[in-house]
mmCIF file of all heavy atoms, coordinates in Angstrom:
data_MODEL
# 
_entry.id   MODEL 
# 
loop_
_atom_site.group_PDB 
_atom_site.id 
_atom_site.type_symbol 
_atom_site.label_atom_id 
_atom_site.label_alt_id 
_atom_site.label_comp_id 
_atom_site.label_asym_id 
_atom_site.label_entity_id 
_atom_site.label_seq_id 
_atom_site.pdbx_PDB_ins_code 
_atom_site.Cartn_x 
_atom_site.Cartn_y 
_atom_site.Cartn_z 
_atom_site.occupancy 
_atom_site.B_iso_or_equiv 
_atom_site.pdbx_formal_charge 
_atom_site.auth_seq_id 
_atom_site.auth_comp_id 
_atom_site.auth_asym_id 
_atom_site.auth_atom_id 
_atom_site.pdbx_PDB_model_num 
ATOM 1   N N   . GLY A 1 1  ? 14.149 48.969 -4.954  1.00 0.00 ? 1  GLY A N   1 
ATOM 2   C CA  . GLY A 1 1  ? 14.334 48.865 -6.387  1.00 0.00 ? 1  GLY A CA  1 
ATOM 3   C C   . GLY A 1 1  ? 13.029 48.804 -7.141  1.00 0.00 ? 1  GLY A C   1 
ATOM 4   O O   . GLY A 1 1  ? 12.946 48.151 -8.174  1.00 0.00 ? 1  GLY A O   1 
ATOM 5   N N   . LEU A 1 2  ? 12.000 49.477 -6.620  1.00 0.00 ? 2  LEU A N   1 
ATOM 6   C CA  . LEU A 1 2  ? 10.664 49.462 -7.233  1.00 0.00 ? 2  LEU A CA  1 
ATOM 7   C C   . LEU A 1 2  ? 10.221 50.864 -7.595  1.00 0.00 ? 2  LEU A C   1 
ATOM 8   O O   . LEU A 1 2  ? 10.743 51.839 -7.064  1.00 0.00 ? 2  LEU A O   1 
ATOM 9   C CB  . LEU A 1 2  ? 9.647  48.883 -6.257  1.00 0.00 ? 2  LEU A CB  1 
ATOM 10  C CG  . LEU A 1 2  ? 9.834  47.455 -5.798  1.00 0.00 ? 2  LEU A CG  1 
ATOM 11  C CD1 . LEU A 1 2  ? 8.889  47.158 -4.632  1.00 0.00 ? 2  LEU A CD1 1 
ATOM 12  C CD2 . LEU A 1 2  ? 9.586  46.494 -6.950  1.00 0.00 ? 2  LEU A CD2 1 
ATOM 13  N N   . GLN A 1 3  ? 9.230  50.951 -8.449  1.00 0.00 ? 3  GLN A N   1 
ATOM 14  C CA  . GLN A 1 3  ? 8.511  52.186 -8.683  1.00 0.00 ? 3  GLN A CA  1 
ATOM 15  C C   . GLN A 1 3  ? 7.574  52.394 -7.475  1.00 0.00 ? 3  GLN A C   1 
ATOM 16  O O   . GLN A 1 3  ? 7.101  51.403 -6.892  1.00 0.00 ? 3  GLN A O   1 
ATOM 17  C CB  . GLN A 1 3  ? 7.676  52.131 -9.968  1.00 0.00 ? 3  GLN A CB  1 
ATOM 18  C CG  . GLN A 1 3  ? 8.500  51.918 -11.205 1.00 0.00 ? 3  GLN A CG  1 
ATOM 19  C CD  . GLN A 1 3  ? 9.187  53.191 -11.636 1.00 0.00 ? 3  GLN A CD  1 
ATOM 20  O OE1 . GLN A 1 3  ? 8.711  54.288 -11.363 1.00 0.00 ? 3  GLN A OE1 1 
ATOM 21  N NE2 . GLN A 1 3  ? 10.343 53.028 -12.263 1.00 0.00 ? 3  GLN A NE2 1 
ATOM 22  N N   . ALA A 1 4  ? 7.266  53.622 -7.119  1.00 0.00 ? 4  ALA A N   1 
ATOM 23  C CA  . ALA A 1 4  ? 6.392  53.894 -5.967  1.00 0.00 ? 4  ALA A CA  1 
ATOM 24  C C   . ALA A 1 4  ? 5.039  53.162 -6.088  1.00 0.00 ? 4  ALA A C   1 
ATOM 25  O O   . ALA A 1 4  ? 4.527  52.635 -5.119  1.00 0.00 ? 4  ALA A O   1 
ATOM 26  C CB  . ALA A 1 4  ? 6.205  55.401 -5.796  1.00 0.00 ? 4  ALA A CB  1 
ATOM 27  N N   . GLN A 1 5  ? 4.489  53.142 -7.291  1.00 0.00 ? 5  GLN A N   1 
ATOM 28  C CA  . GLN A 1 5  ? 3.187  52.504 -7.466  1.00 0.00 ? 5  GLN A CA  1 
ATOM 29  C C   . GLN A 1 5  ? 3.268  50.979 -7.334  1.00 0.00 ? 5  GLN A C   1 
ATOM 30  O O   . GLN A 1 5  ? 2.246  50.299 -7.209  1.00 0.00 ? 5  GLN A O   1 
ATOM 31  C CB  . GLN A 1 5  ? 2.515  52.904 -8.790  1.00 0.00 ? 5  GLN A CB  1 
ATOM 32  C CG  . GLN A 1 5  ? 3.300  52.496 -10.015 1.00 0.00 ? 5  GLN A CG  1 
ATOM 33  C CD  . GLN A 1 5  ? 4.287  53.560 -10.477 1.00 0.00 ? 5  GLN A CD  1 
ATOM 34  O OE1 . GLN A 1 5  ? 4.710  54.381 -9.731  1.00 0.00 ? 5  GLN A OE1 1 
ATOM 35  N NE2 . GLN A 1 5  ? 4.618  53.499 -11.763 1.00 0.00 ? 5  GLN A NE2 1 
ATOM 36  N N   . GLY A 1 6  ? 4.468  50.416 -7.340  1.00 0.00 ? 6  GLY A N   1 
ATOM 37  C CA  . GLY A 1 6  ? 4.613  48.985 -7.159  1.00 0.00 ? 6  GLY A CA  1 
ATOM 38  C C   . GLY A 1 6  ? 4.722  48.518 -5.697  1.00 0.00 ? 6  GLY A C   1 
ATOM 39  O O   . GLY A 1 6  ? 4.775  47.342 -5.425  1.00 0.00 ? 6  GLY A O   1 
ATOM 40  N N   . LEU A 1 7  ? 4.719  49.489 -4.759  1.00 0.00 ? 7  LEU A N   1 
ATOM 41  C CA  . LEU A 1 7  ? 4.848  49.131 -3.354  1.00 0.00 ? 7  LEU A CA  1 
ATOM 42  C C   . LEU A 1 7  ? 3.605  48.465 -2.780  1.00 0.00 ? 7  LEU A C   1 
ATOM 43  O O   . LEU A 1 7  ? 3.727  47.503 -2.002  1.00 0.00 ? 7  LEU A O   1 
ATOM 44  C CB  . LEU A 1 7  ? 5.193  50.353 -2.516  1.00 0.00 ? 7  LEU A CB  1 
ATOM 45  C CG  . LEU A 1 7  ? 6.639  50.829 -2.594  1.00 0.00 ? 7  LEU A CG  1 
ATOM 46  C CD1 . LEU A 1 7  ? 6.808  52.137 -1.819  1.00 0.00 ? 7  LEU A CD1 1 
ATOM 47  C CD2 . LEU A 1 7  ? 7.570  49.773 -2.069  1.00 0.00 ? 7  LEU A CD2 1 
ATOM 48  N N   . ALA A 1 8  ? 2.434  48.944 -3.084  1.00 0.00 ? 8  ALA A N   1 
ATOM 49  C CA  . ALA A 1 8  ? 1.212  48.414 -2.502  1.00 0.00 ? 8  ALA A CA  1 
ATOM 50  C C   . ALA A 1 8  ? 1.063  46.913 -2.723  1.00 0.00 ? 8  ALA A C   1 
ATOM 51  O O   . ALA A 1 8  ? 0.795  46.171 -1.778  1.00 0.00 ? 8  ALA A O   1 
ATOM 52  C CB  . ALA A 1 8  ? -0.027 49.165 -3.004  1.00 0.00 ? 8  ALA A CB  1 
ATOM 53  N N   . PRO A 1 9  ? 1.271  46.420 -3.961  1.00 0.00 ? 9  PRO A N   1 
ATOM 54  C CA  . PRO A 1 9  ? 1.157  44.974 -4.144  1.00 0.00 ? 9  PRO A CA  1 
ATOM 55  C C   . PRO A 1 9  ? 2.204  44.183 -3.307  1.00 0.00 ? 9  PRO A C   1 
ATOM 56  O O   . PRO A 1 9  ? 1.889  43.125 -2.757  1.00 0.00 ? 9  PRO A O   1 
ATOM 57  C CB  . PRO A 1 9  ? 1.401  44.765 -5.623  1.00 0.00 ? 9  PRO A CB  1 
ATOM 58  C CG  . PRO A 1 9  ? 1.089  46.066 -6.266  1.00 0.00 ? 9  PRO A CG  1 
ATOM 59  C CD  . PRO A 1 9  ? 1.440  47.102 -5.243  1.00 0.00 ? 9  PRO A CD  1 
ATOM 60  N N   . VAL A 1 10 ? 3.411  44.726 -3.206  1.00 0.00 ? 10 VAL A N   1 
ATOM 61  C CA  . VAL A 1 10 ? 4.438  44.043 -2.406  1.00 0.00 ? 10 VAL A CA  1 
ATOM 62  C C   . VAL A 1 10 ? 4.058  44.062 -0.937  1.00 0.00 ? 10 VAL A C   1 
ATOM 63  O O   . VAL A 1 10 ? 4.188  43.031 -0.238  1.00 0.00 ? 10 VAL A O   1 
ATOM 64  C CB  . VAL A 1 10 ? 5.816  44.676 -2.651  1.00 0.00 ? 10 VAL A CB  1 
ATOM 65  C CG1 . VAL A 1 10 ? 6.845  44.142 -1.682  1.00 0.00 ? 10 VAL A CG1 1 
ATOM 66  C CG2 . VAL A 1 10 ? 6.259  44.500 -4.084  1.00 0.00 ? 10 VAL A CG2 1 
ATOM 67  N N   . LEU A 1 11 ? 3.610  45.178 -0.441  1.00 0.00 ? 11 LEU A N   1 
ATOM 68  C CA  . LEU A 1 11 ? 3.192  45.262 0.963   1.00 0.00 ? 11 LEU A CA  1 
ATOM 69  C C   . LEU A 1 11 ? 2.044  44.325 1.257   1.00 0.00 ? 11 LEU A C   1 
ATOM 70  O O   . LEU A 1 11 ? 1.956  43.705 2.300   1.00 0.00 ? 11 LEU A O   1 
ATOM 71  C CB  . LEU A 1 11 ? 2.858  46.709 1.338   1.00 0.00 ? 11 LEU A CB  1 
ATOM 72  C CG  . LEU A 1 11 ? 4.057  47.656 1.345   1.00 0.00 ? 11 LEU A CG  1 
ATOM 73  C CD1 . LEU A 1 11 ? 3.571  49.090 1.476   1.00 0.00 ? 11 LEU A CD1 1 
ATOM 74  C CD2 . LEU A 1 11 ? 5.040  47.305 2.423   1.00 0.00 ? 11 LEU A CD2 1 
ATOM 75  N N   . ASN A 1 12 ? 1.097  44.211 0.311   1.00 0.00 ? 12 ASN A N   1 
ATOM 76  C CA  . ASN A 1 12 ? -0.029 43.279 0.480   1.00 0.00 ? 12 ASN A CA  1 
ATOM 77  C C   . ASN A 1 12 ? 0.450  41.839 0.546   1.00 0.00 ? 12 ASN A C   1 
ATOM 78  O O   . ASN A 1 12 ? -0.078 41.021 1.322   1.00 0.00 ? 12 ASN A O   1 
ATOM 79  C CB  . ASN A 1 12 ? -1.035 43.464 -0.636  1.00 0.00 ? 12 ASN A CB  1 
ATOM 80  C CG  . ASN A 1 12 ? -1.826 44.742 -0.492  1.00 0.00 ? 12 ASN A CG  1 
ATOM 81  O OD1 . ASN A 1 12 ? -2.018 45.253 0.614   1.00 0.00 ? 12 ASN A OD1 1 
ATOM 82  N ND2 . ASN A 1 12 ? -2.271 45.281 -1.595  1.00 0.00 ? 12 ASN A ND2 1 
ATOM 83  N N   . VAL A 1 13 ? 1.452  41.488 -0.263  1.00 0.00 ? 13 VAL A N   1 
ATOM 84  C CA  . VAL A 1 13 ? 2.032  40.131 -0.212  1.00 0.00 ? 13 VAL A CA  1 
ATOM 85  C C   . VAL A 1 13 ? 2.645  39.892 1.167   1.00 0.00 ? 13 VAL A C   1 
ATOM 86  O O   . VAL A 1 13 ? 2.496  38.821 1.764   1.00 0.00 ? 13 VAL A O   1 
ATOM 87  C CB  . VAL A 1 13 ? 3.057  39.917 -1.328  1.00 0.00 ? 13 VAL A CB  1 
ATOM 88  C CG1 . VAL A 1 13 ? 3.895  38.679 -1.097  1.00 0.00 ? 13 VAL A CG1 1 
ATOM 89  C CG2 . VAL A 1 13 ? 2.364  39.866 -2.683  1.00 0.00 ? 13 VAL A CG2 1 
ATOM 90  N N   . LEU A 1 14 ? 3.359  40.903 1.686   1.00 0.00 ? 14 LEU A N   1 
ATOM 91  C CA  . LEU A 1 14 ? 3.976  40.754 3.024   1.00 0.00 ? 14 LEU A CA  1 
ATOM 92  C C   . LEU A 1 14 ? 2.945  40.611 4.139   1.00 0.00 ? 14 LEU A C   1 
ATOM 93  O O   . LEU A 1 14 ? 3.171  39.883 5.098   1.00 0.00 ? 14 LEU A O   1 
ATOM 94  C CB  . LEU A 1 14 ? 4.921  41.940 3.298   1.00 0.00 ? 14 LEU A CB  1 
ATOM 95  C CG  . LEU A 1 14 ? 6.146  42.009 2.403   1.00 0.00 ? 14 LEU A CG  1 
ATOM 96  C CD1 . LEU A 1 14 ? 6.928  43.304 2.642   1.00 0.00 ? 14 LEU A CD1 1 
ATOM 97  C CD2 . LEU A 1 14 ? 7.044  40.783 2.582   1.00 0.00 ? 14 LEU A CD2 1 
ATOM 98  N N   . VAL A 1 15 ? 1.787  41.257 3.994   1.00 0.00 ? 15 VAL A N   1 
ATOM 99  C CA  . VAL A 1 15 ? 0.703  41.063 4.954   1.00 0.00 ? 15 VAL A CA  1 
ATOM 100 C C   . VAL A 1 15 ? 0.145  39.637 4.840   1.00 0.00 ? 15 VAL A C   1 
ATOM 101 O O   . VAL A 1 15 ? -0.061 38.935 5.815   1.00 0.00 ? 15 VAL A O   1 
ATOM 102 C CB  . VAL A 1 15 ? -0.405 42.125 4.772   1.00 0.00 ? 15 VAL A CB  1 
ATOM 103 C CG1 . VAL A 1 15 ? -1.650 41.762 5.580   1.00 0.00 ? 15 VAL A CG1 1 
ATOM 104 C CG2 . VAL A 1 15 ? 0.112  43.524 5.154   1.00 0.00 ? 15 VAL A CG2 1 
ATOM 105 N N   . HIS A 1 16 ? -0.088 39.237 3.584   1.00 0.00 ? 16 HIS A N   1 
ATOM 106 C CA  . HIS A 1 16 ? -0.616 37.903 3.354   1.00 0.00 ? 16 HIS A CA  1 
ATOM 107 C C   . HIS A 1 16 ? 0.309  36.812 3.868   1.00 0.00 ? 16 HIS A C   1 
ATOM 108 O O   . HIS A 1 16 ? -0.129 35.770 4.393   1.00 0.00 ? 16 HIS A O   1 
ATOM 109 C CB  . HIS A 1 16 ? -0.901 37.695 1.858   1.00 0.00 ? 16 HIS A CB  1 
ATOM 110 C CG  . HIS A 1 16 ? -1.513 36.404 1.539   1.00 0.00 ? 16 HIS A CG  1 
ATOM 111 N ND1 . HIS A 1 16 ? -2.814 36.062 1.919   1.00 0.00 ? 16 HIS A ND1 1 
ATOM 112 C CD2 . HIS A 1 16 ? -1.034 35.317 0.879   1.00 0.00 ? 16 HIS A CD2 1 
ATOM 113 C CE1 . HIS A 1 16 ? -3.087 34.846 1.507   1.00 0.00 ? 16 HIS A CE1 1 
ATOM 114 N NE2 . HIS A 1 16 ? -2.037 34.385 0.867   1.00 0.00 ? 16 HIS A NE2 1 
ATOM 115 N N   . ALA A 1 17 ? 1.616  37.049 3.763   1.00 0.00 ? 17 ALA A N   1 
ATOM 116 C CA  . ALA A 1 17 ? 2.623  36.097 4.237   1.00 0.00 ? 17 ALA A CA  1 
ATOM 117 C C   . ALA A 1 17 ? 2.840  36.212 5.767   1.00 0.00 ? 17 ALA A C   1 
ATOM 118 O O   . ALA A 1 17 ? 3.646  35.481 6.344   1.00 0.00 ? 17 ALA A O   1 
ATOM 119 C CB  . ALA A 1 17 ? 3.953  36.316 3.507   1.00 0.00 ? 17 ALA A CB  1 
ATOM 120 N N   . ARG A 1 18 ? 2.135  37.145 6.386   1.00 0.00 ? 18 ARG A N   1 
ATOM 121 C CA  . ARG A 1 18 ? 2.209  37.388 7.829   1.00 0.00 ? 18 ARG A CA  1 
ATOM 122 C C   . ARG A 1 18 ? 3.556  37.893 8.290   1.00 0.00 ? 18 ARG A C   1 
ATOM 123 O O   . ARG A 1 18 ? 3.947  37.665 9.446   1.00 0.00 ? 18 ARG A O   1 
ATOM 124 C CB  . ARG A 1 18 ? 1.759  36.158 8.613   1.00 0.00 ? 18 ARG A CB  1 
ATOM 125 C CG  . ARG A 1 18 ? 0.330  35.792 8.316   1.00 0.00 ? 18 ARG A CG  1 
ATOM 126 C CD  . ARG A 1 18 ? -0.132 34.671 9.171   1.00 0.00 ? 18 ARG A CD  1 
ATOM 127 N NE  . ARG A 1 18 ? -1.522 34.379 8.794   1.00 0.00 ? 18 ARG A NE  1 
ATOM 128 C CZ  . ARG A 1 18 ? -2.124 33.291 9.116   1.00 0.00 ? 18 ARG A CZ  1 
ATOM 129 N NH1 . ARG A 1 18 ? -1.512 32.381 9.825   1.00 0.00 ? 18 ARG A NH1 1 
ATOM 130 N NH2 . ARG A 1 18 ? -3.367 33.103 8.771   1.00 0.00 ? 18 ARG A NH2 1 
ATOM 131 N N   . PHE A 1 19 ? 4.319  38.565 7.393   1.00 0.00 ? 19 PHE A N   1 
ATOM 132 C CA  . PHE A 1 19 ? 5.529  39.251 7.805   1.00 0.00 ? 19 PHE A CA  1 
ATOM 133 C C   . PHE A 1 19 ? 5.177  40.607 8.363   1.00 0.00 ? 19 PHE A C   1 
ATOM 134 O O   . PHE A 1 19 ? 5.734  41.076 9.346   1.00 0.00 ? 19 PHE A O   1 
ATOM 135 C CB  . PHE A 1 19 ? 6.477  39.409 6.607   1.00 0.00 ? 19 PHE A CB  1 
ATOM 136 C CG  . PHE A 1 19 ? 7.777  40.076 6.957   1.00 0.00 ? 19 PHE A CG  1 
ATOM 137 C CD1 . PHE A 1 19 ? 8.779  39.336 7.561   1.00 0.00 ? 19 PHE A CD1 1 
ATOM 138 C CD2 . PHE A 1 19 ? 7.970  41.417 6.708   1.00 0.00 ? 19 PHE A CD2 1 
ATOM 139 C CE1 . PHE A 1 19 ? 9.983  39.945 7.910   1.00 0.00 ? 19 PHE A CE1 1 
ATOM 140 C CE2 . PHE A 1 19 ? 9.176  42.023 7.040   1.00 0.00 ? 19 PHE A CE2 1 
ATOM 141 C CZ  . PHE A 1 19 ? 10.166 41.301 7.650   1.00 0.00 ? 19 PHE A CZ  1 
ATOM 142 N N   . LEU A 1 20 ? 4.189  41.261 7.757   1.00 0.00 ? 20 LEU A N   1 
ATOM 143 C CA  . LEU A 1 20 ? 3.617  42.500 8.275   1.00 0.00 ? 20 LEU A CA  1 
ATOM 144 C C   . LEU A 1 20 ? 2.236  42.220 8.837   1.00 0.00 ? 20 LEU A C   1 
ATOM 145 O O   . LEU A 1 20 ? 1.489  41.425 8.270   1.00 0.00 ? 20 LEU A O   1 
ATOM 146 C CB  . LEU A 1 20 ? 3.453  43.569 7.174   1.00 0.00 ? 20 LEU A CB  1 
ATOM 147 C CG  . LEU A 1 20 ? 4.724  44.101 6.527   1.00 0.00 ? 20 LEU A CG  1 
ATOM 148 C CD1 . LEU A 1 20 ? 4.361  45.097 5.431   1.00 0.00 ? 20 LEU A CD1 1 
ATOM 149 C CD2 . LEU A 1 20 ? 5.659  44.714 7.519   1.00 0.00 ? 20 LEU A CD2 1 
ATOM 150 N N   . ARG A 1 21 ? 1.889  42.885 9.910   1.00 0.00 ? 21 ARG A N   1 
ATOM 151 C CA  . ARG A 1 21 ? 0.565  42.762 10.459  1.00 0.00 ? 21 ARG A CA  1 
ATOM 152 C C   . ARG A 1 21 ? -0.400 43.634 9.641   1.00 0.00 ? 21 ARG A C   1 
ATOM 153 O O   . ARG A 1 21 ? -1.508 43.243 9.339   1.00 0.00 ? 21 ARG A O   1 
ATOM 154 C CB  . ARG A 1 21 ? 0.523  43.164 11.920  1.00 0.00 ? 21 ARG A CB  1 
ATOM 155 C CG  . ARG A 1 21 ? -0.871 43.099 12.509  1.00 0.00 ? 21 ARG A CG  1 
ATOM 156 C CD  . ARG A 1 21 ? -0.858 43.296 13.978  1.00 0.00 ? 21 ARG A CD  1 
ATOM 157 N NE  . ARG A 1 21 ? -0.202 42.134 14.589  1.00 0.00 ? 21 ARG A NE  1 
ATOM 158 C CZ  . ARG A 1 21 ? 0.325  42.149 15.794  1.00 0.00 ? 21 ARG A CZ  1 
ATOM 159 N NH1 . ARG A 1 21 ? 0.275  43.216 16.538  1.00 0.00 ? 21 ARG A NH1 1 
ATOM 160 N NH2 . ARG A 1 21 ? 0.919  41.074 16.263  1.00 0.00 ? 21 ARG A NH2 1 
ATOM 161 N N   . SER A 1 22 ? 0.098  44.832 9.281   1.00 0.00 ? 22 SER A N   1 
ATOM 162 C CA  . SER A 1 22 ? -0.729 45.762 8.495   1.00 0.00 ? 22 SER A CA  1 
ATOM 163 C C   . SER A 1 22 ? 0.151  46.832 7.905   1.00 0.00 ? 22 SER A C   1 
ATOM 164 O O   . SER A 1 22 ? 1.298  47.003 8.300   1.00 0.00 ? 22 SER A O   1 
ATOM 165 C CB  . SER A 1 22 ? -1.798 46.395 9.374   1.00 0.00 ? 22 SER A CB  1 
ATOM 166 O OG  . SER A 1 22 ? -1.193 47.178 10.379  1.00 0.00 ? 22 SER A OG  1 
ATOM 167 N N   . TRP A 1 23 ? -0.412 47.602 6.945   1.00 0.00 ? 23 TRP A N   1 
ATOM 168 C CA  . TRP A 1 23 ? 0.265  48.771 6.412   1.00 0.00 ? 23 TRP A CA  1 
ATOM 169 C C   . TRP A 1 23 ? -0.810 49.753 5.964   1.00 0.00 ? 23 TRP A C   1 
ATOM 170 O O   . TRP A 1 23 ? -1.951 49.366 5.731   1.00 0.00 ? 23 TRP A O   1 
ATOM 171 C CB  . TRP A 1 23 ? 1.213  48.420 5.265   1.00 0.00 ? 23 TRP A CB  1 
ATOM 172 C CG  . TRP A 1 23 ? 0.539  48.088 3.974   1.00 0.00 ? 23 TRP A CG  1 
ATOM 173 C CD1 . TRP A 1 23 ? 0.080  46.870 3.570   1.00 0.00 ? 23 TRP A CD1 1 
ATOM 174 C CD2 . TRP A 1 23 ? 0.203  49.002 2.927   1.00 0.00 ? 23 TRP A CD2 1 
ATOM 175 N NE1 . TRP A 1 23 ? -0.506 46.971 2.349   1.00 0.00 ? 23 TRP A NE1 1 
ATOM 176 C CE2 . TRP A 1 23 ? -0.433 48.262 1.930   1.00 0.00 ? 23 TRP A CE2 1 
ATOM 177 C CE3 . TRP A 1 23 ? 0.377  50.357 2.749   1.00 0.00 ? 23 TRP A CE3 1 
ATOM 178 C CZ2 . TRP A 1 23 ? -0.897 48.864 0.756   1.00 0.00 ? 23 TRP A CZ2 1 
ATOM 179 C CZ3 . TRP A 1 23 ? -0.081 50.947 1.575   1.00 0.00 ? 23 TRP A CZ3 1 
ATOM 180 C CH2 . TRP A 1 23 ? -0.706 50.196 0.602   1.00 0.00 ? 23 TRP A CH2 1 
ATOM 181 N N   . ALA A 1 24 ? -0.455 51.016 5.883   1.00 0.00 ? 24 ALA A N   1 
ATOM 182 C CA  . ALA A 1 24 ? -1.408 52.037 5.462   1.00 0.00 ? 24 ALA A CA  1 
ATOM 183 C C   . ALA A 1 24 ? -0.612 53.305 5.081   1.00 0.00 ? 24 ALA A C   1 
ATOM 184 O O   . ALA A 1 24 ? 0.556  53.442 5.437   1.00 0.00 ? 24 ALA A O   1 
ATOM 185 C CB  . ALA A 1 24 ? -2.374 52.388 6.578   1.00 0.00 ? 24 ALA A CB  1 
# 
């Protein structure tokens, strides 16, 4: 339910929360 440009901040939060190890 996001705009494509809104994904990077969400993915960064998930990395910071240690749900994701990394994304690229």
